[in-house]
């Protein structure tokens, strides 16, 4: 459950370390974003001499959330942190490696490239 001003870790190798959610597309009354949804973020902490710079506004997809996520079989999935992967204008990942576990539900949501780059798929 991600809302505006939520800080998220970045789960790819673009150079950004931490981002802050500044908007959730889908109308003015859209308050929360969940696993697999695209959000608008601003980079708060970034590594030097990389493609992504501090204060840059980008799109990202939520790949981990701390709130329990219910699967179709009735089980719940809980991660230790909130994390996202940065996207370019065509909704493709900016990085070429995804760090940490990602849920397999992202494949059904249209993010097959993130699943193929991830090391751990839960």
N, C-alpha and C. Protein backbone atom coordinates (compact mmCIF):
# COMPACT_ATOMS: atom_id res chain seq x y z
N UNK A 1 0.85 -1.16 0.00
CA UNK A 1 0.00 0.00 0.00
C UNK A 1 0.91 1.23 0.00
N UNK A 2 1.04 1.82 -1.15
CA UNK A 2 1.92 2.97 -1.34
C UNK A 2 1.04 4.19 -1.55
N UNK A 3 1.34 5.27 -0.86
CA UNK A 3 0.63 6.52 -1.09
C UNK A 3 1.66 7.62 -1.32
N UNK A 4 1.19 8.83 -1.59
CA UNK A 4 2.11 9.91 -1.85
C UNK A 4 2.97 10.17 -0.61
N UNK A 5 4.21 10.54 -0.83
CA UNK A 5 5.24 10.78 0.16
C UNK A 5 5.79 9.50 0.80
N UNK A 6 5.45 8.35 0.27
CA UNK A 6 6.03 7.09 0.76
C UNK A 6 7.41 6.93 0.15
N UNK A 7 8.39 6.57 0.96
CA UNK A 7 9.75 6.33 0.46
C UNK A 7 9.89 4.85 0.12
N UNK A 8 10.49 4.58 -1.04
CA UNK A 8 10.67 3.23 -1.51
C UNK A 8 12.13 2.99 -1.86
N UNK A 9 12.60 1.78 -1.65
CA UNK A 9 13.91 1.38 -2.13
C UNK A 9 13.81 1.09 -3.62
N UNK A 10 14.93 1.20 -4.31
CA UNK A 10 14.97 0.90 -5.74
C UNK A 10 15.58 -0.48 -5.92
N UNK A 11 14.88 -1.35 -6.64
CA UNK A 11 15.29 -2.74 -6.77
C UNK A 11 16.02 -3.03 -8.07
N UNK A 12 16.59 -2.01 -8.71
CA UNK A 12 17.35 -2.26 -9.93
C UNK A 12 18.68 -1.53 -9.88
N UNK A 13 19.47 -1.66 -10.94
CA UNK A 13 20.82 -1.10 -10.93
C UNK A 13 20.94 0.18 -11.75
N UNK A 14 19.95 1.05 -11.66
CA UNK A 14 19.98 2.31 -12.40
C UNK A 14 20.84 3.37 -11.73
N UNK A 15 21.15 3.20 -10.47
CA UNK A 15 21.93 4.19 -9.74
C UNK A 15 21.14 4.87 -8.66
N UNK A 16 19.83 4.84 -8.73
CA UNK A 16 19.00 5.40 -7.67
C UNK A 16 18.95 4.42 -6.51
N UNK A 17 19.01 4.95 -5.30
CA UNK A 17 18.95 4.10 -4.12
C UNK A 17 17.60 4.20 -3.41
N UNK A 18 17.06 5.41 -3.33
CA UNK A 18 15.78 5.61 -2.67
C UNK A 18 14.98 6.64 -3.44
N UNK A 19 13.68 6.39 -3.58
CA UNK A 19 12.78 7.31 -4.28
C UNK A 19 11.59 7.60 -3.38
N UNK A 20 10.86 8.66 -3.72
CA UNK A 20 9.66 9.03 -2.99
C UNK A 20 8.51 9.11 -3.97
N UNK A 21 7.38 8.52 -3.62
CA UNK A 21 6.20 8.56 -4.48
C UNK A 21 5.60 9.96 -4.45
N UNK A 22 5.36 10.52 -5.63
CA UNK A 22 4.76 11.86 -5.69
C UNK A 22 3.41 11.84 -6.38
N UNK A 23 3.01 10.71 -6.93
CA UNK A 23 1.71 10.65 -7.58
C UNK A 23 1.33 9.25 -7.98
N UNK A 24 0.01 9.01 -7.97
CA UNK A 24 -0.53 7.73 -8.39
C UNK A 24 -1.49 8.01 -9.53
N UNK A 25 -1.16 7.62 -10.76
CA UNK A 25 -2.05 7.88 -11.88
C UNK A 25 -3.38 7.15 -11.74
N UNK A 26 -4.43 7.77 -12.26
CA UNK A 26 -5.74 7.14 -12.22
C UNK A 26 -6.81 8.04 -11.64
N UNK A 27 -6.56 9.32 -11.59
CA UNK A 27 -7.56 10.23 -11.06
C UNK A 27 -7.11 10.89 -9.78
N UNK A 28 -7.81 11.94 -9.40
CA UNK A 28 -7.41 12.68 -8.22
C UNK A 28 -7.79 11.95 -6.94
N UNK A 29 -8.74 11.05 -7.00
CA UNK A 29 -9.18 10.35 -5.80
C UNK A 29 -8.46 9.03 -5.58
N UNK A 30 -7.55 8.70 -6.46
CA UNK A 30 -6.77 7.46 -6.31
C UNK A 30 -5.75 7.70 -5.20
N UNK A 31 -5.86 6.95 -4.09
CA UNK A 31 -5.05 7.24 -2.93
C UNK A 31 -3.89 6.27 -2.74
N UNK A 32 -4.12 4.99 -3.05
CA UNK A 32 -3.10 3.98 -2.79
C UNK A 32 -2.70 3.26 -4.08
N UNK A 33 -1.46 2.82 -4.11
CA UNK A 33 -0.96 1.96 -5.19
C UNK A 33 -0.52 0.65 -4.57
N UNK A 34 -0.73 -0.42 -5.30
CA UNK A 34 -0.40 -1.74 -4.79
C UNK A 34 0.60 -2.41 -5.72
N UNK A 35 0.88 -3.66 -5.48
CA UNK A 35 1.85 -4.45 -6.22
C UNK A 35 1.52 -4.45 -7.71
N UNK A 36 2.50 -4.11 -8.55
CA UNK A 36 2.32 -4.14 -9.99
C UNK A 36 1.74 -2.88 -10.60
N UNK A 37 1.49 -1.86 -9.81
CA UNK A 37 0.93 -0.62 -10.35
C UNK A 37 2.04 0.39 -10.61
N UNK A 38 1.82 1.24 -11.60
CA UNK A 38 2.79 2.25 -11.98
C UNK A 38 2.53 3.52 -11.18
N UNK A 39 3.61 4.09 -10.64
CA UNK A 39 3.52 5.32 -9.85
C UNK A 39 4.53 6.33 -10.38
N UNK A 40 4.38 7.57 -9.96
CA UNK A 40 5.32 8.64 -10.30
C UNK A 40 6.22 8.85 -9.10
N UNK A 41 7.54 8.89 -9.31
CA UNK A 41 8.49 9.01 -8.20
C UNK A 41 9.51 10.10 -8.50
N UNK A 42 10.14 10.58 -7.43
CA UNK A 42 11.27 11.49 -7.54
C UNK A 42 12.43 10.84 -6.81
N UNK A 43 13.62 10.94 -7.38
CA UNK A 43 14.80 10.31 -6.81
C UNK A 43 15.30 11.15 -5.65
N UNK A 44 15.47 10.52 -4.49
CA UNK A 44 15.95 11.21 -3.30
C UNK A 44 17.43 10.92 -3.02
N UNK A 45 17.86 9.69 -3.22
CA UNK A 45 19.26 9.30 -3.01
C UNK A 45 19.72 8.56 -4.25
N UNK A 46 20.85 9.00 -4.81
CA UNK A 46 21.38 8.37 -6.02
C UNK A 46 22.89 8.23 -5.92
N UNK A 47 23.41 7.23 -6.60
CA UNK A 47 24.86 7.02 -6.65
C UNK A 47 25.46 8.03 -7.64
N UNK A 48 26.66 8.48 -7.40
CA UNK A 48 27.27 9.45 -8.32
C UNK A 48 27.67 8.80 -9.64
N UNK A 49 27.72 9.63 -10.69
CA UNK A 49 28.17 9.21 -12.02
C UNK A 49 27.36 8.04 -12.59
N UNK A 50 26.05 8.09 -12.45
CA UNK A 50 25.17 7.08 -13.01
C UNK A 50 24.12 7.77 -13.87
N UNK A 51 23.27 7.00 -14.53
CA UNK A 51 22.28 7.56 -15.44
C UNK A 51 21.19 8.35 -14.71
N UNK A 52 20.79 7.87 -13.57
CA UNK A 52 19.71 8.52 -12.83
C UNK A 52 20.31 9.48 -11.81
N UNK A 53 19.81 10.71 -11.83
CA UNK A 53 20.33 11.75 -10.94
C UNK A 53 19.33 12.09 -9.85
N UNK A 54 19.81 12.73 -8.81
CA UNK A 54 18.97 13.19 -7.72
C UNK A 54 17.99 14.24 -8.24
N UNK A 55 16.79 14.27 -7.70
CA UNK A 55 15.69 15.19 -8.04
C UNK A 55 15.08 14.91 -9.41
N UNK A 56 15.40 13.80 -10.02
CA UNK A 56 14.82 13.45 -11.32
C UNK A 56 13.46 12.79 -11.11
N UNK A 57 12.46 13.16 -11.92
CA UNK A 57 11.12 12.61 -11.81
C UNK A 57 10.96 11.51 -12.86
N UNK A 58 10.53 10.33 -12.41
CA UNK A 58 10.43 9.16 -13.28
C UNK A 58 9.16 8.38 -12.97
N UNK A 59 8.90 7.37 -13.81
CA UNK A 59 7.84 6.41 -13.54
C UNK A 59 8.47 5.16 -12.94
N UNK A 60 7.71 4.46 -12.11
CA UNK A 60 8.22 3.23 -11.49
C UNK A 60 7.05 2.27 -11.29
N UNK A 61 7.39 0.99 -11.21
CA UNK A 61 6.40 -0.04 -10.90
C UNK A 61 6.72 -0.63 -9.53
N UNK A 62 5.71 -0.83 -8.72
CA UNK A 62 5.88 -1.37 -7.38
C UNK A 62 6.13 -2.88 -7.49
N UNK A 63 7.29 -3.35 -7.00
CA UNK A 63 7.62 -4.77 -7.07
C UNK A 63 7.60 -5.45 -5.70
N UNK A 64 7.66 -4.68 -4.62
CA UNK A 64 7.54 -5.24 -3.27
C UNK A 64 6.77 -4.25 -2.42
N UNK A 65 5.90 -4.78 -1.56
CA UNK A 65 5.19 -3.93 -0.61
C UNK A 65 5.13 -4.63 0.73
N UNK A 66 5.17 -3.83 1.77
CA UNK A 66 5.18 -4.38 3.13
C UNK A 66 3.80 -4.86 3.54
N UNK A 67 2.77 -4.28 3.01
CA UNK A 67 1.40 -4.72 3.33
C UNK A 67 1.18 -6.10 2.75
N UNK A 68 0.50 -7.01 3.49
CA UNK A 68 0.27 -8.36 2.97
C UNK A 68 -0.53 -8.33 1.67
N UNK A 69 -0.06 -9.12 0.71
CA UNK A 69 -0.69 -9.22 -0.61
C UNK A 69 -1.33 -10.60 -0.70
N UNK A 70 -2.63 -10.65 -0.98
CA UNK A 70 -3.34 -11.92 -1.05
C UNK A 70 -3.30 -12.49 -2.45
N UNK A 71 -2.89 -13.74 -2.54
CA UNK A 71 -2.86 -14.44 -3.82
C UNK A 71 -4.19 -15.12 -4.08
N UNK A 72 -4.36 -15.62 -5.29
CA UNK A 72 -5.62 -16.25 -5.68
C UNK A 72 -5.88 -17.54 -4.91
N UNK A 73 -4.83 -18.23 -4.48
CA UNK A 73 -5.02 -19.48 -3.74
C UNK A 73 -5.31 -19.25 -2.25
N UNK A 74 -5.34 -18.01 -1.81
CA UNK A 74 -5.66 -17.70 -0.42
C UNK A 74 -4.47 -17.42 0.46
N UNK A 75 -3.26 -17.66 -0.03
CA UNK A 75 -2.07 -17.40 0.77
C UNK A 75 -1.72 -15.91 0.71
N UNK A 76 -0.94 -15.48 1.69
CA UNK A 76 -0.53 -14.08 1.76
C UNK A 76 0.97 -13.98 1.53
N UNK A 77 1.38 -12.89 0.91
CA UNK A 77 2.78 -12.64 0.62
C UNK A 77 3.16 -11.31 1.25
N UNK A 78 4.20 -11.31 2.11
CA UNK A 78 4.64 -10.11 2.80
C UNK A 78 6.13 -9.94 2.56
N UNK A 79 6.55 -8.75 2.18
CA UNK A 79 7.96 -8.43 2.00
C UNK A 79 8.43 -7.55 3.15
N UNK A 80 9.74 -7.43 3.31
CA UNK A 80 10.31 -6.65 4.39
C UNK A 80 10.32 -5.15 4.11
N UNK A 81 10.20 -4.76 2.84
CA UNK A 81 10.30 -3.35 2.50
C UNK A 81 9.38 -3.03 1.34
N UNK A 82 9.27 -1.75 1.05
CA UNK A 82 8.60 -1.28 -0.15
C UNK A 82 9.68 -1.01 -1.19
N UNK A 83 9.51 -1.54 -2.39
CA UNK A 83 10.53 -1.36 -3.42
C UNK A 83 9.88 -1.22 -4.78
N UNK A 84 10.62 -0.60 -5.70
CA UNK A 84 10.11 -0.38 -7.05
C UNK A 84 11.24 -0.52 -8.06
N UNK A 85 10.86 -0.67 -9.32
CA UNK A 85 11.80 -0.66 -10.44
C UNK A 85 11.47 0.54 -11.30
N UNK A 86 12.49 1.28 -11.70
CA UNK A 86 12.28 2.47 -12.51
C UNK A 86 12.00 2.10 -13.96
N UNK A 87 11.11 2.88 -14.60
CA UNK A 87 10.69 2.61 -15.97
C UNK A 87 11.04 3.78 -16.87
N UNK A 88 11.18 3.50 -18.17
CA UNK A 88 11.36 4.57 -19.14
C UNK A 88 9.99 4.97 -19.69
N UNK A 89 9.96 5.75 -20.76
CA UNK A 89 8.69 6.24 -21.29
C UNK A 89 7.84 5.15 -21.91
N UNK A 90 8.44 4.04 -22.33
CA UNK A 90 7.71 2.94 -22.95
C UNK A 90 7.32 1.86 -21.94
N UNK A 91 7.41 2.16 -20.65
CA UNK A 91 7.12 1.23 -19.56
C UNK A 91 8.00 -0.01 -19.59
N UNK A 92 9.23 0.16 -20.03
CA UNK A 92 10.24 -0.89 -19.96
C UNK A 92 11.24 -0.50 -18.88
N UNK A 93 11.85 -1.47 -18.21
CA UNK A 93 12.79 -1.14 -17.13
C UNK A 93 14.01 -0.36 -17.62
N UNK A 94 14.44 0.63 -16.84
CA UNK A 94 15.65 1.39 -17.17
C UNK A 94 16.91 0.59 -16.88
N UNK A 95 16.90 -0.21 -15.84
CA UNK A 95 18.06 -1.02 -15.47
C UNK A 95 18.08 -2.33 -16.23
N UNK A 96 19.19 -3.06 -16.06
CA UNK A 96 19.29 -4.35 -16.72
C UNK A 96 19.46 -5.48 -15.71
N UNK A 97 19.20 -5.20 -14.42
CA UNK A 97 19.27 -6.22 -13.39
C UNK A 97 18.31 -5.83 -12.28
N UNK A 98 17.61 -6.81 -11.75
CA UNK A 98 16.68 -6.57 -10.65
C UNK A 98 17.22 -7.27 -9.42
N UNK A 99 17.34 -6.53 -8.32
CA UNK A 99 17.90 -7.04 -7.09
C UNK A 99 16.78 -7.40 -6.12
N UNK A 100 16.92 -8.52 -5.44
CA UNK A 100 15.94 -8.94 -4.46
C UNK A 100 14.80 -9.72 -5.08
N UNK A 101 13.93 -10.27 -4.23
CA UNK A 101 12.82 -11.08 -4.74
C UNK A 101 11.70 -10.22 -5.32
N UNK A 102 11.01 -10.79 -6.30
CA UNK A 102 9.83 -10.17 -6.90
C UNK A 102 8.74 -11.23 -6.99
N UNK A 103 7.48 -10.86 -6.89
CA UNK A 103 6.41 -11.86 -6.98
C UNK A 103 6.12 -12.24 -8.43
N UNK A 104 5.61 -13.45 -8.62
CA UNK A 104 5.33 -13.93 -9.97
C UNK A 104 4.08 -13.28 -10.57
N UNK A 105 3.30 -12.57 -9.77
CA UNK A 105 2.10 -11.90 -10.28
C UNK A 105 2.45 -10.75 -11.24
N UNK A 106 3.68 -10.27 -11.21
CA UNK A 106 4.08 -9.19 -12.13
C UNK A 106 4.01 -9.64 -13.58
N UNK A 107 4.19 -10.92 -13.84
CA UNK A 107 4.13 -11.43 -15.21
C UNK A 107 2.72 -11.28 -15.78
N UNK A 108 1.72 -11.55 -14.96
CA UNK A 108 0.33 -11.41 -15.40
C UNK A 108 -0.06 -9.95 -15.58
N UNK A 109 0.66 -9.05 -14.91
CA UNK A 109 0.35 -7.62 -15.00
C UNK A 109 1.08 -6.94 -16.15
N UNK A 110 1.85 -7.69 -16.93
CA UNK A 110 2.48 -7.13 -18.12
C UNK A 110 3.94 -6.75 -17.96
N UNK A 111 4.60 -7.20 -16.91
CA UNK A 111 6.00 -6.86 -16.68
C UNK A 111 6.87 -8.11 -16.77
N UNK A 112 6.82 -8.79 -17.92
CA UNK A 112 7.60 -10.01 -18.13
C UNK A 112 9.10 -9.74 -18.10
N UNK A 113 9.51 -8.56 -18.55
CA UNK A 113 10.94 -8.24 -18.59
C UNK A 113 11.53 -8.14 -17.19
N UNK A 114 10.75 -7.66 -16.24
CA UNK A 114 11.22 -7.58 -14.86
C UNK A 114 11.37 -8.98 -14.29
N UNK A 115 10.45 -9.87 -14.61
CA UNK A 115 10.53 -11.25 -14.13
C UNK A 115 11.75 -11.95 -14.70
N UNK A 116 12.07 -11.73 -15.97
CA UNK A 116 13.22 -12.40 -16.57
C UNK A 116 14.53 -11.87 -16.02
N UNK A 117 14.58 -10.60 -15.62
CA UNK A 117 15.82 -10.04 -15.08
C UNK A 117 16.01 -10.34 -13.60
N UNK A 118 14.94 -10.74 -12.90
CA UNK A 118 15.03 -10.97 -11.46
C UNK A 118 15.71 -12.29 -11.17
N UNK A 119 16.45 -12.30 -10.07
CA UNK A 119 17.13 -13.52 -9.64
C UNK A 119 16.18 -14.42 -8.86
N UNK A 120 15.39 -13.82 -7.97
CA UNK A 120 14.45 -14.57 -7.14
C UNK A 120 13.02 -14.20 -7.51
N UNK A 121 12.26 -15.19 -7.95
CA UNK A 121 10.84 -15.01 -8.25
C UNK A 121 10.06 -15.85 -7.25
N UNK A 122 9.22 -15.20 -6.48
CA UNK A 122 8.47 -15.90 -5.44
C UNK A 122 7.03 -16.10 -5.88
